[in-house]
Amino acid sequence: SPSQAVDVPKLILESFLGLLGSISQVILPMLSMGLYTEER
């Protein structure tokens, strides 16, 4: 079969950023939780 061109670097970037977004969404509430609670 004829080889199909695949943009591997772009595919890596999209997949990695998707996972990075998931990790961030776990960490972000931990960063924001003390913004005002500590003041109280």
Full PDB file with SEQRES, HELIX, SHEET, SSBOND, CRYST1, ORIGX, SCALE, CONECT and MASTER records, all heavy atoms in Angstrom:
SEQRES   1 A   40  SER PRO SER GLN ALA VAL ASP VAL PRO LYS LEU ILE LEU          
SEQRES   2 A   40  GLU SER PHE LEU GLY LEU LEU GLY SER ILE SER GLN VAL          
SEQRES   3 A   40  ILE LEU PRO MET LEU SER MET GLY LEU TYR THR GLU GLU          
SEQRES   4 A   40  ARG                                                          
HELIX    1 AA1 VAL A    8  SER A   32  1                                  25    
CRYST1    1.000    1.000    1.000  90.00  90.00  90.00 P 1           1          
ORIGX1      1.000000  0.000000  0.000000        0.00000                         
ORIGX2      0.000000  1.000000  0.000000        0.00000                         
ORIGX3      0.000000  0.000000  1.000000        0.00000                         
SCALE1      1.000000  0.000000  0.000000        0.00000                         
SCALE2      0.000000  1.000000  0.000000        0.00000                         
SCALE3      0.000000  0.000000  1.000000        0.00000                         
ATOM      1  N   SER A   1       0.841  -1.199   0.000  1.00  0.00           N  
ATOM      2  CA  SER A   1       0.000   0.000   0.000  1.00  0.00           C  
ATOM      3  C   SER A   1       0.877   1.251   0.000  1.00  0.00           C  
ATOM      4  O   SER A   1       1.982   1.244   0.558  1.00  0.00           O  
ATOM      5  CB  SER A   1      -0.916   0.021   1.233  1.00  0.00           C  
ATOM      6  OG  SER A   1      -1.698  -1.159   1.275  1.00  0.00           O  
ATOM      7  N   PRO A   2       0.413   2.321  -0.607  1.00  0.00           N  
ATOM      8  CA  PRO A   2       1.194   3.559  -0.589  1.00  0.00           C  
ATOM      9  C   PRO A   2       1.267   4.126   0.822  1.00  0.00           C  
ATOM     10  O   PRO A   2       0.281   4.110   1.569  1.00  0.00           O  
ATOM     11  CB  PRO A   2       0.401   4.496  -1.512  1.00  0.00           C  
ATOM     12  CG  PRO A   2      -0.990   3.939  -1.524  1.00  0.00           C  
ATOM     13  CD  PRO A   2      -0.838   2.458  -1.377  1.00  0.00           C  
ATOM     14  N   SER A   3       2.435   4.595   1.196  1.00  0.00           N  
ATOM     15  CA  SER A   3       2.641   5.148   2.533  1.00  0.00           C  
ATOM     16  C   SER A   3       1.888   6.460   2.683  1.00  0.00           C  
ATOM     17  O   SER A   3       1.891   7.300   1.785  1.00  0.00           O  
ATOM     18  CB  SER A   3       4.137   5.375   2.798  1.00  0.00           C  
ATOM     19  OG  SER A   3       4.839   4.151   2.743  1.00  0.00           O  
ATOM     20  N   GLN A   4       1.237   6.617   3.818  1.00  0.00           N  
ATOM     21  CA  GLN A   4       0.503   7.845   4.112  1.00  0.00           C  
ATOM     22  C   GLN A   4       1.349   8.734   5.018  1.00  0.00           C  
ATOM     23  O   GLN A   4       1.897   8.276   6.024  1.00  0.00           O  
ATOM     24  CB  GLN A   4      -0.828   7.525   4.795  1.00  0.00           C  
ATOM     25  CG  GLN A   4      -1.781   6.719   3.913  1.00  0.00           C  
ATOM     26  CD  GLN A   4      -3.086   6.415   4.636  1.00  0.00           C  
ATOM     27  OE1 GLN A   4      -3.240   6.691   5.808  1.00  0.00           O  
ATOM     28  NE2 GLN A   4      -4.025   5.839   3.895  1.00  0.00           N  
ATOM     29  N   ALA A   5       1.453   9.992   4.626  1.00  0.00           N  
ATOM     30  CA  ALA A   5       2.253  10.934   5.405  1.00  0.00           C  
ATOM     31  C   ALA A   5       1.556  11.239   6.730  1.00  0.00           C  
ATOM     32  O   ALA A   5       0.351  11.492   6.760  1.00  0.00           O  
ATOM     33  CB  ALA A   5       2.462  12.226   4.620  1.00  0.00           C  
ATOM     34  N   VAL A   6       2.311  11.187   7.818  1.00  0.00           N  
ATOM     35  CA  VAL A   6       1.793  11.468   9.147  1.00  0.00           C  
ATOM     36  C   VAL A   6       2.680  12.534   9.784  1.00  0.00           C  
ATOM     37  O   VAL A   6       3.906  12.388   9.820  1.00  0.00           O  
ATOM     38  CB  VAL A   6       1.785  10.209  10.030  1.00  0.00           C  
ATOM     39  CG1 VAL A   6       1.272  10.550  11.424  1.00  0.00           C  
ATOM     40  CG2 VAL A   6       0.929   9.119   9.403  1.00  0.00           C  
ATOM     41  N   ASP A   7       2.065  13.603  10.245  1.00  0.00           N  
ATOM     42  CA  ASP A   7       2.809  14.675  10.924  1.00  0.00           C  
ATOM     43  C   ASP A   7       3.028  14.243  12.370  1.00  0.00           C  
ATOM     44  O   ASP A   7       2.253  14.591  13.264  1.00  0.00           O  
ATOM     45  CB  ASP A   7       2.031  15.986  10.850  1.00  0.00           C  
ATOM     46  CG  ASP A   7       2.891  17.186  11.245  1.00  0.00           C  
ATOM     47  OD1 ASP A   7       3.934  16.980  11.889  1.00  0.00           O  
ATOM     48  OD2 ASP A   7       2.512  18.329  10.914  1.00  0.00           O  
ATOM     49  N   VAL A   8       4.100  13.466  12.590  1.00  0.00           N  
ATOM     50  CA  VAL A   8       4.351  12.894  13.908  1.00  0.00           C  
ATOM     51  C   VAL A   8       4.571  13.954  14.985  1.00  0.00           C  
ATOM     52  O   VAL A   8       3.981  13.870  16.071  1.00  0.00           O  
ATOM     53  CB  VAL A   8       5.549  11.920  13.849  1.00  0.00           C  
ATOM     54  CG1 VAL A   8       5.905  11.419  15.243  1.00  0.00           C  
ATOM     55  CG2 VAL A   8       5.234  10.747  12.933  1.00  0.00           C  
ATOM     56  N   PRO A   9       5.411  14.993  14.751  1.00  0.00           N  
ATOM     57  CA  PRO A   9       5.610  16.009  15.802  1.00  0.00           C  
ATOM     58  C   PRO A   9       4.306  16.689  16.219  1.00  0.00           C  
ATOM     59  O   PRO A   9       4.076  16.922  17.412  1.00  0.00           O  
ATOM     60  CB  PRO A   9       6.578  17.009  15.152  1.00  0.00           C  
ATOM     61  CG  PRO A   9       7.296  16.220  14.119  1.00  0.00           C  
ATOM     62  CD  PRO A   9       6.290  15.247  13.599  1.00  0.00           C  
ATOM     63  N   LYS A  10       3.450  17.005  15.253  1.00  0.00           N  
ATOM     64  CA  LYS A  10       2.175  17.654  15.595  1.00  0.00           C  
ATOM     65  C   LYS A  10       1.288  16.716  16.381  1.00  0.00           C  
ATOM     66  O   LYS A  10       0.613  17.132  17.336  1.00  0.00           O  
ATOM     67  CB  LYS A  10       1.463  18.120  14.324  1.00  0.00           C  
ATOM     68  CG  LYS A  10       0.180  18.892  14.600  1.00  0.00           C  
ATOM     69  CD  LYS A  10      -0.489  19.360  13.309  1.00  0.00           C  
ATOM     70  CE  LYS A  10      -1.769  20.119  13.612  1.00  0.00           C  
ATOM     71  NZ  LYS A  10      -2.469  20.552  12.376  1.00  0.00           N  
ATOM     72  N   LEU A  11       1.283  15.444  15.998  1.00  0.00           N  
ATOM     73  CA  LEU A  11       0.475  14.454  16.713  1.00  0.00           C  
ATOM     74  C   LEU A  11       0.974  14.292  18.146  1.00  0.00           C  
ATOM     75  O   LEU A  11       0.171  14.183  19.088  1.00  0.00           O  
ATOM     76  CB  LEU A  11       0.541  13.115  15.975  1.00  0.00           C  
ATOM     77  CG  LEU A  11      -0.458  12.037  16.386  1.00  0.00           C  
ATOM     78  CD1 LEU A  11      -1.884  12.545  16.240  1.00  0.00           C  
ATOM     79  CD2 LEU A  11      -0.248  10.777  15.557  1.00  0.00           C  
ATOM     80  N   ILE A  12       2.294  14.305  18.326  1.00  0.00           N  
ATOM     81  CA  ILE A  12       2.873  14.211  19.668  1.00  0.00           C  
ATOM     82  C   ILE A  12       2.465  15.418  20.504  1.00  0.00           C  
ATOM     83  O   ILE A  12       2.065  15.289  21.669  1.00  0.00           O  
ATOM     84  CB  ILE A  12       4.411  14.097  19.591  1.00  0.00           C  
ATOM     85  CG1 ILE A  12       4.819  12.745  18.998  1.00  0.00           C  
ATOM     86  CG2 ILE A  12       5.043  14.286  20.966  1.00  0.00           C  
ATOM     87  CD1 ILE A  12       6.306  12.619  18.742  1.00  0.00           C  
ATOM     88  N   LEU A  13       2.555  16.599  19.907  1.00  0.00           N  
ATOM     89  CA  LEU A  13       2.228  17.826  20.636  1.00  0.00           C  
ATOM     90  C   LEU A  13       0.766  17.835  21.073  1.00  0.00           C  
ATOM     91  O   LEU A  13       0.456  18.145  22.227  1.00  0.00           O  
ATOM     92  CB  LEU A  13       2.530  19.049  19.771  1.00  0.00           C  
ATOM     93  CG  LEU A  13       2.224  20.405  20.406  1.00  0.00           C  
ATOM     94  CD1 LEU A  13       3.151  20.653  21.589  1.00  0.00           C  
ATOM     95  CD2 LEU A  13       2.349  21.530  19.387  1.00  0.00           C  
ATOM     96  N   GLU A  14      -0.148  17.503  20.155  1.00  0.00           N  
ATOM     97  CA  GLU A  14      -1.566  17.517  20.486  1.00  0.00           C  
ATOM     98  C   GLU A  14      -1.888  16.518  21.597  1.00  0.00           C  
ATOM     99  O   GLU A  14      -2.642  16.829  22.531  1.00  0.00           O  
ATOM    100  CB  GLU A  14      -2.398  17.199  19.243  1.00  0.00           C  
ATOM    101  CG  GLU A  14      -2.377  18.293  18.185  1.00  0.00           C  
ATOM    102  CD  GLU A  14      -3.189  17.922  16.959  1.00  0.00           C  
ATOM    103  OE1 GLU A  14      -3.881  16.881  17.010  1.00  0.00           O  
ATOM    104  OE2 GLU A  14      -3.142  18.662  15.963  1.00  0.00           O  
ATOM    105  N   SER A  15      -1.317  15.316  21.502  1.00  0.00           N  
ATOM    106  CA  SER A  15      -1.584  14.292  22.518  1.00  0.00           C  
ATOM    107  C   SER A  15      -1.004  14.698  23.871  1.00  0.00           C  
ATOM    108  O   SER A  15      -1.655  14.543  24.916  1.00  0.00           O  
ATOM    109  CB  SER A  15      -0.988  12.954  22.077  1.00  0.00           C  
ATOM    110  OG  SER A  15      -1.531  12.535  20.847  1.00  0.00           O  
ATOM    111  N   PHE A  16       0.216  15.245  23.851  1.00  0.00           N  
ATOM    112  CA  PHE A  16       0.860  15.634  25.105  1.00  0.00           C  
ATOM    113  C   PHE A  16       0.119  16.788  25.774  1.00  0.00           C  
ATOM    114  O   PHE A  16      -0.107  16.774  26.991  1.00  0.00           O  
ATOM    115  CB  PHE A  16       2.313  16.018  24.847  1.00  0.00           C  
ATOM    116  CG  PHE A  16       3.026  16.540  26.069  1.00  0.00           C  
ATOM    117  CD1 PHE A  16       3.204  15.731  27.175  1.00  0.00           C  
ATOM    118  CD2 PHE A  16       3.513  17.837  26.115  1.00  0.00           C  
ATOM    119  CE1 PHE A  16       3.846  16.203  28.308  1.00  0.00           C  
ATOM    120  CE2 PHE A  16       4.166  18.316  27.228  1.00  0.00           C  
ATOM    121  CZ  PHE A  16       4.328  17.499  28.339  1.00  0.00           C  
ATOM    122  N   LEU A  17      -0.283  17.780  24.993  1.00  0.00           N  
ATOM    123  CA  LEU A  17      -0.997  18.920  25.573  1.00  0.00           C  
ATOM    124  C   LEU A  17      -2.353  18.495  26.127  1.00  0.00           C  
ATOM    125  O   LEU A  17      -2.825  19.043  27.129  1.00  0.00           O  
ATOM    126  CB  LEU A  17      -1.169  20.027  24.532  1.00  0.00           C  
ATOM    127  CG  LEU A  17       0.101  20.802  24.163  1.00  0.00           C  
ATOM    128  CD1 LEU A  17      -0.183  21.806  23.051  1.00  0.00           C  
ATOM    129  CD2 LEU A  17       0.683  21.509  25.380  1.00  0.00           C  
ATOM    130  N   GLY A  18      -2.995  17.527  25.475  1.00  0.00           N  
ATOM    131  CA  GLY A  18      -4.247  17.007  26.002  1.00  0.00           C  
ATOM    132  C   GLY A  18      -4.060  16.373  27.375  1.00  0.00           C  
ATOM    133  O   GLY A  18      -4.839  16.615  28.298  1.00  0.00           O  
ATOM    134  N   LEU A  19      -2.997  15.563  27.513  1.00  0.00           N  
ATOM    135  CA  LEU A  19      -2.697  14.959  28.813  1.00  0.00           C  
ATOM    136  C   LEU A  19      -2.276  16.019  29.824  1.00  0.00           C  
ATOM    137  O   LEU A  19      -2.644  15.952  31.003  1.00  0.00           O  
ATOM    138  CB  LEU A  19      -1.588  13.914  28.656  1.00  0.00           C  
ATOM    139  CG  LEU A  19      -1.987  12.619  27.951  1.00  0.00           C  
ATOM    140  CD1 LEU A  19      -0.766  11.760  27.679  1.00  0.00           C  
ATOM    141  CD2 LEU A  19      -2.996  11.849  28.788  1.00  0.00           C  
ATOM    142  N   LEU A  20      -1.518  17.002  29.357  1.00  0.00           N  
ATOM    143  CA  LEU A  20      -1.064  18.078  30.240  1.00  0.00           C  
ATOM    144  C   LEU A  20      -2.263  18.878  30.765  1.00  0.00           C  
ATOM    145  O   LEU A  20      -2.285  19.303  31.925  1.00  0.00           O  
ATOM    146  CB  LEU A  20      -0.111  18.996  29.481  1.00  0.00           C  
ATOM    147  CG  LEU A  20       0.849  19.855  30.310  1.00  0.00           C  
ATOM    148  CD1 LEU A  20       1.697  18.983  31.220  1.00  0.00           C  
ATOM    149  CD2 LEU A  20       1.738  20.679  29.387  1.00  0.00           C  
ATOM    150  N   GLY A  21      -3.259  19.062  29.903  1.00  0.00           N  
ATOM    151  CA  GLY A  21      -4.476  19.734  30.348  1.00  0.00           C  
ATOM    152  C   GLY A  21      -5.187  18.943  31.430  1.00  0.00           C  
ATOM    153  O   GLY A  21      -5.700  19.515  32.394  1.00  0.00           O  
ATOM    154  N   SER A  22      -5.209  17.622  31.291  1.00  0.00           N  
ATOM    155  CA  SER A  22      -5.856  16.776  32.303  1.00  0.00           C  
ATOM    156  C   SER A  22      -5.114  16.837  33.634  1.00  0.00           C  
ATOM    157  O   SER A  22      -5.736  16.928  34.699  1.00  0.00           O  
ATOM    158  CB  SER A  22      -5.921  15.331  31.804  1.00  0.00           C  
ATOM    159  OG  SER A  22      -6.677  15.241  30.607  1.00  0.00           O  
ATOM    160  N   ILE A  23      -3.772  16.782  33.575  1.00  0.00           N  
ATOM    161  CA  ILE A  23      -2.977  16.887  34.808  1.00  0.00           C  
ATOM    162  C   ILE A  23      -3.196  18.240  35.467  1.00  0.00           C  
ATOM    163  O   ILE A  23      -3.356  18.346  36.686  1.00  0.00           O  
ATOM    164  CB  ILE A  23      -1.474  16.687  34.500  1.00  0.00           C  
ATOM    165  CG1 ILE A  23      -1.224  15.305  33.914  1.00  0.00           C  
ATOM    166  CG2 ILE A  23      -0.639  16.871  35.762  1.00  0.00           C  
ATOM    167  CD1 ILE A  23       0.193  15.106  33.421  1.00  0.00           C  
ATOM    168  N   SER A  24      -3.225  19.281  34.651  1.00  0.00           N  
ATOM    169  CA  SER A  24      -3.392  20.638  35.179  1.00  0.00           C  
ATOM    170  C   SER A  24      -4.731  20.803  35.871  1.00  0.00           C  
ATOM    171  O   SER A  24      -4.836  21.488  36.897  1.00  0.00           O  
ATOM    172  CB  SER A  24      -3.260  21.657  34.049  1.00  0.00           C  
ATOM    173  OG  SER A  24      -1.962  21.629  33.478  1.00  0.00           O  
ATOM    174  N   GLN A  25      -5.754  20.169  35.330  1.00  0.00           N  
ATOM    175  CA  GLN A  25      -7.076  20.326  35.920  1.00  0.00           C  
ATOM    176  C   GLN A  25      -7.196  19.626  37.268  1.00  0.00           C  
ATOM    177  O   GLN A  25      -8.130  19.891  38.024  1.00  0.00           O  
ATOM    178  CB  GLN A  25      -8.136  19.808  34.951  1.00  0.00           C  
ATOM    179  CG  GLN A  25      -8.296  20.715  33.734  1.00  0.00           C  
ATOM    180  CD  GLN A  25      -9.243  20.150  32.709  1.00  0.00           C  
ATOM    181  OE1 GLN A  25     -10.389  19.858  33.012  1.00  0.00           O  
ATOM    182  NE2 GLN A  25      -8.783  19.994  31.490  1.00  0.00           N  
ATOM    183  N   VAL A  26      -6.248  18.749  37.575  1.00  0.00           N  
ATOM    184  CA  VAL A  26      -6.189  18.164  38.919  1.00  0.00           C  
ATOM    185  C   VAL A  26      -5.435  19.096  39.860  1.00  0.00           C  
ATOM    186  O   VAL A  26      -5.791  19.250  41.036  1.00  0.00           O  
ATOM    187  CB  VAL A  26      -5.510  16.778  38.873  1.00  0.00           C  
ATOM    188  CG1 VAL A  26      -5.319  16.225  40.282  1.00  0.00           C  
ATOM    189  CG2 VAL A  26      -6.321  15.814  38.026  1.00  0.00           C  
ATOM    190  N   ILE A  27      -4.405  19.754  39.346  1.00  0.00           N  
ATOM    191  CA  ILE A  27      -3.533  20.587  40.178  1.00  0.00           C  
ATOM    192  C   ILE A  27      -4.111  21.981  40.404  1.00  0.00           C  
ATOM    193  O   ILE A  27      -3.944  22.564  41.487  1.00  0.00           O  
ATOM    194  CB  ILE A  27      -2.137  20.665  39.527  1.00  0.00           C  
ATOM    195  CG1 ILE A  27      -1.443  19.309  39.645  1.00  0.00           C  
ATOM    196  CG2 ILE A  27      -1.282  21.751  40.168  1.00  0.00           C  
ATOM    197  CD1 ILE A  27      -0.094  19.244  38.995  1.00  0.00           C  
ATOM    198  N   LEU A  28      -4.803  22.534  39.420  1.00  0.00           N  
ATOM    199  CA  LEU A  28      -5.275  23.917  39.515  1.00  0.00           C  
ATOM    200  C   LEU A  28      -6.186  24.175  40.723  1.00  0.00           C  
ATOM    201  O   LEU A  28      -6.037  25.206  41.392  1.00  0.00           O  
ATOM    202  CB  LEU A  28      -5.968  24.325  38.214  1.00  0.00           C  
ATOM    203  CG  LEU A  28      -5.027  24.485  37.004  1.00  0.00           C  
ATOM    204  CD1 LEU A  28      -5.834  24.680  35.729  1.00  0.00           C  
ATOM    205  CD2 LEU A  28      -4.066  25.650  37.219  1.00  0.00           C  
ATOM    206  N   PRO A  29      -7.166  23.298  41.035  1.00  0.00           N  
ATOM    207  CA  PRO A  29      -7.958  23.548  42.252  1.00  0.00           C  
ATOM    208  C   PRO A  29      -7.111  23.570  43.521  1.00  0.00           C  
ATOM    209  O   PRO A  29      -7.458  24.268  44.485  1.00  0.00           O  
ATOM    210  CB  PRO A  29      -8.950  22.378  42.268  1.00  0.00           C  
ATOM    211  CG  PRO A  29      -9.072  21.964  40.836  1.00  0.00           C  
ATOM    212  CD  PRO A  29      -7.697  22.156  40.277  1.00  0.00           C  
ATOM    213  N   MET A  30      -6.001  22.831  43.543  1.00  0.00           N  
ATOM    214  CA  MET A  30      -5.108  22.860  44.694  1.00  0.00           C  
ATOM    215  C   MET A  30      -4.375  24.196  44.802  1.00  0.00           C  
ATOM    216  O   MET A  30      -4.023  24.632  45.902  1.00  0.00           O  
ATOM    217  CB  MET A  30      -4.090  21.717  44.597  1.00  0.00           C  
ATOM    218  CG  MET A  30      -4.695  20.338  44.595  1.00  0.00           C  
ATOM    219  SD  MET A  30      -3.432  19.048  44.491  1.00  0.00           S  
ATOM    220  CE  MET A  30      -4.454  17.590  44.300  1.00  0.00           C  
ATOM    221  N   LEU A  31      -4.133  24.825  43.650  1.00  0.00           N  
ATOM    222  CA  LEU A  31      -3.479  26.128  43.667  1.00  0.00           C  
ATOM    223  C   LEU A  31      -4.438  27.242  44.070  1.00  0.00           C  
ATOM    224  O   LEU A  31      -4.041  28.209  44.729  1.00  0.00           O  
ATOM    225  CB  LEU A  31      -2.886  26.439  42.284  1.00  0.00           C  
ATOM    226  CG  LEU A  31      -1.758  25.543  41.797  1.00  0.00           C  
ATOM    227  CD1 LEU A  31      -1.286  25.992  40.415  1.00  0.00           C  
ATOM    228  CD2 LEU A  31      -0.589  25.554  42.771  1.00  0.00           C  
ATOM    229  N   SER A  32      -5.700  27.112  43.677  1.00  0.00           N  
ATOM    230  CA  SER A  32      -6.658  28.182  43.940  1.00  0.00           C  
ATOM    231  C   SER A  32      -7.352  28.060  45.295  1.00  0.00           C  
ATOM    232  O   SER A  32      -7.925  29.040  45.780  1.00  0.00           O  
ATOM    233  CB  SER A  32      -7.721  28.224  42.831  1.00  0.00           C  
ATOM    234  OG  SER A  32      -8.498  27.036  42.823  1.00  0.00           O  
ATOM    235  N   MET A  33      -7.275  26.884  45.915  1.00  0.00           N  
ATOM    236  CA  MET A  33      -8.084  26.659  47.110  1.00  0.00           C  
ATOM    237  C   MET A  33      -7.676  27.549  48.281  1.00  0.00           C  
ATOM    238  O   MET A  33      -8.484  27.850  49.159  1.00  0.00           O  
ATOM    239  CB  MET A  33      -8.007  25.186  47.531  1.00  0.00           C  
ATOM    240  CG  MET A  33      -6.636  24.741  47.991  1.00  0.00           C  
ATOM    241  SD  MET A  33      -6.609  22.973  48.389  1.00  0.00           S  
ATOM    242  CE  MET A  33      -4.903  22.783  48.952  1.00  0.00           C  
ATOM    243  N   GLY A  34      -6.432  27.990  48.312  1.00  0.00           N  
ATOM    244  CA  GLY A  34      -5.979  28.787  49.445  1.00  0.00           C  
ATOM    245  C   GLY A  34      -5.918  30.277  49.192  1.00  0.00           C  
ATOM    246  O   GLY A  34      -5.441  31.030  50.046  1.00  0.00           O  
ATOM    247  N   LEU A  35      -6.415  30.734  48.037  1.00  0.00           N  
ATOM    248  CA  LEU A  35      -6.285  32.139  47.684  1.00  0.00           C  
ATOM    249  C   LEU A  35      -6.973  33.055  48.695  1.00  0.00           C  
ATOM    250  O   LEU A  35      -6.449  34.118  49.046  1.00  0.00           O  
ATOM    251  CB  LEU A  35      -6.849  32.384  46.279  1.00  0.00           C  
ATOM    252  CG  LEU A  35      -5.979  31.881  45.131  1.00  0.00           C  
ATOM    253  CD1 LEU A  35      -6.718  31.997  43.805  1.00  0.00           C  
ATOM    254  CD2 LEU A  35      -4.672  32.651  45.072  1.00  0.00           C  
ATOM    255  N   TYR A  36      -8.161  32.653  49.160  1.00  0.00           N  
ATOM    256  CA  TYR A  36      -8.874  33.462  50.153  1.00  0.00           C  
ATOM    257  C   TYR A  36      -9.133  32.713  51.454  1.00  0.00           C  
ATOM    258  O   TYR A  36      -9.364  33.336  52.489  1.00  0.00           O  
ATOM    259  CB  TYR A  36     -10.204  33.961  49.583  1.00  0.00           C  
ATOM    260  CG  TYR A  36     -10.061  35.218  48.758  1.00  0.00           C  
ATOM    261  CD1 TYR A  36      -9.905  35.151  47.386  1.00  0.00           C  
ATOM    262  CD2 TYR A  36     -10.071  36.477  49.350  1.00  0.00           C  
ATOM    263  CE1 TYR A  36      -9.772  36.297  46.617  1.00  0.00           C  
ATOM    264  CE2 TYR A  36      -9.932  37.629  48.599  1.00  0.00           C  
ATOM    265  CZ  TYR A  36      -9.787  37.541  47.230  1.00  0.00           C  
ATOM    266  OH  TYR A  36      -9.647  38.677  46.479  1.00  0.00           O  
ATOM    267  N   THR A  37      -9.112  31.385  51.419  1.00  0.00           N  
ATOM    268  CA  THR A  37      -9.370  30.649  52.661  1.00  0.00           C  
ATOM    269  C   THR A  37      -8.301  30.943  53.712  1.00  0.00           C  
ATOM    270  O   THR A  37      -8.609  31.029  54.908  1.00  0.00           O  
ATOM    271  CB  THR A  37      -9.397  29.127  52.385  1.00  0.00           C  
ATOM    272  OG1 THR A  37      -8.189  28.732  51.731  1.00  0.00           O  
ATOM    273  CG2 THR A  37     -10.583  28.757  51.520  1.00  0.00           C  
ATOM    274  N   GLU A  38      -7.058  31.104  53.280  1.00  0.00           N  
ATOM    275  CA  GLU A  38      -5.990  31.425  54.218  1.00  0.00           C  
ATOM    276  C   GLU A  38      -6.199  32.804  54.835  1.00  0.00           C  
ATOM    277  O   GLU A  38      -5.875  33.025  56.006  1.00  0.00           O  
ATOM    278  CB  GLU A  38      -4.627  31.344  53.523  1.00  0.00           C  
ATOM    279  CG  GLU A  38      -4.229  29.936  53.082  1.00  0.00           C  
ATOM    280  CD  GLU A  38      -4.164  28.968  54.242  1.00  0.00           C  
ATOM    281  OE1 GLU A  38      -3.705  29.375  55.338  1.00  0.00           O  
ATOM    282  OE2 GLU A  38      -4.591  27.811  54.078  1.00  0.00           O  
ATOM    283  N   GLU A  39      -6.724  33.737  54.042  1.00  0.00           N  
ATOM    284  CA  GLU A  39      -7.014  35.073  54.568  1.00  0.00           C  
ATOM    285  C   GLU A  39      -8.086  34.979  55.659  1.00  0.00           C  
ATOM    286  O   GLU A  39      -8.013  35.668  56.687  1.00  0.00           O  
ATOM    287  CB  GLU A  39      -7.497  35.997  53.445  1.00  0.00           C  
ATOM    288  CG  GLU A  39      -6.542  36.162  52.286  1.00  0.00           C  
ATOM    289  CD  GLU A  39      -5.377  37.078  52.596  1.00  0.00           C  
ATOM    290  OE1 GLU A  39      -5.295  37.582  53.737  1.00  0.00           O  
ATOM    291  OE2 GLU A  39      -4.541  37.287  51.708  1.00  0.00           O  
ATOM    292  N   ARG A  40      -9.077  34.131  55.454  1.00  0.00           N  
ATOM    293  CA  ARG A  40     -10.123  33.949  56.459  1.00  0.00           C  
ATOM    294  C   ARG A  40      -9.556  33.323  57.731  1.00  0.00           C  
ATOM    295  O   ARG A  40      -9.891  33.744  58.851  1.00  0.00           O  
ATOM    296  CB  ARG A  40     -11.236  33.051  55.900  1.00  0.00           C  
ATOM    297  CG  ARG A  40     -12.179  33.747  54.916  1.00  0.00           C  
ATOM    298  CD  ARG A  40     -13.215  32.762  54.414  1.00  0.00           C  
ATOM    299  NE  ARG A  40     -14.193  33.381  53.540  1.00  0.00           N  
ATOM    300  CZ  ARG A  40     -15.349  33.908  53.944  1.00  0.00           C  
ATOM    301  NH1 ARG A  40     -15.648  33.879  55.234  1.00  0.00           N  
ATOM    302  NH2 ARG A  40     -16.192  34.461  53.093  1.00  0.00           N  
TER     303      ARG A  40                                                      
MASTER        0    0    0    1    0    0    0    6  302    1    0    4          
END                                                                             
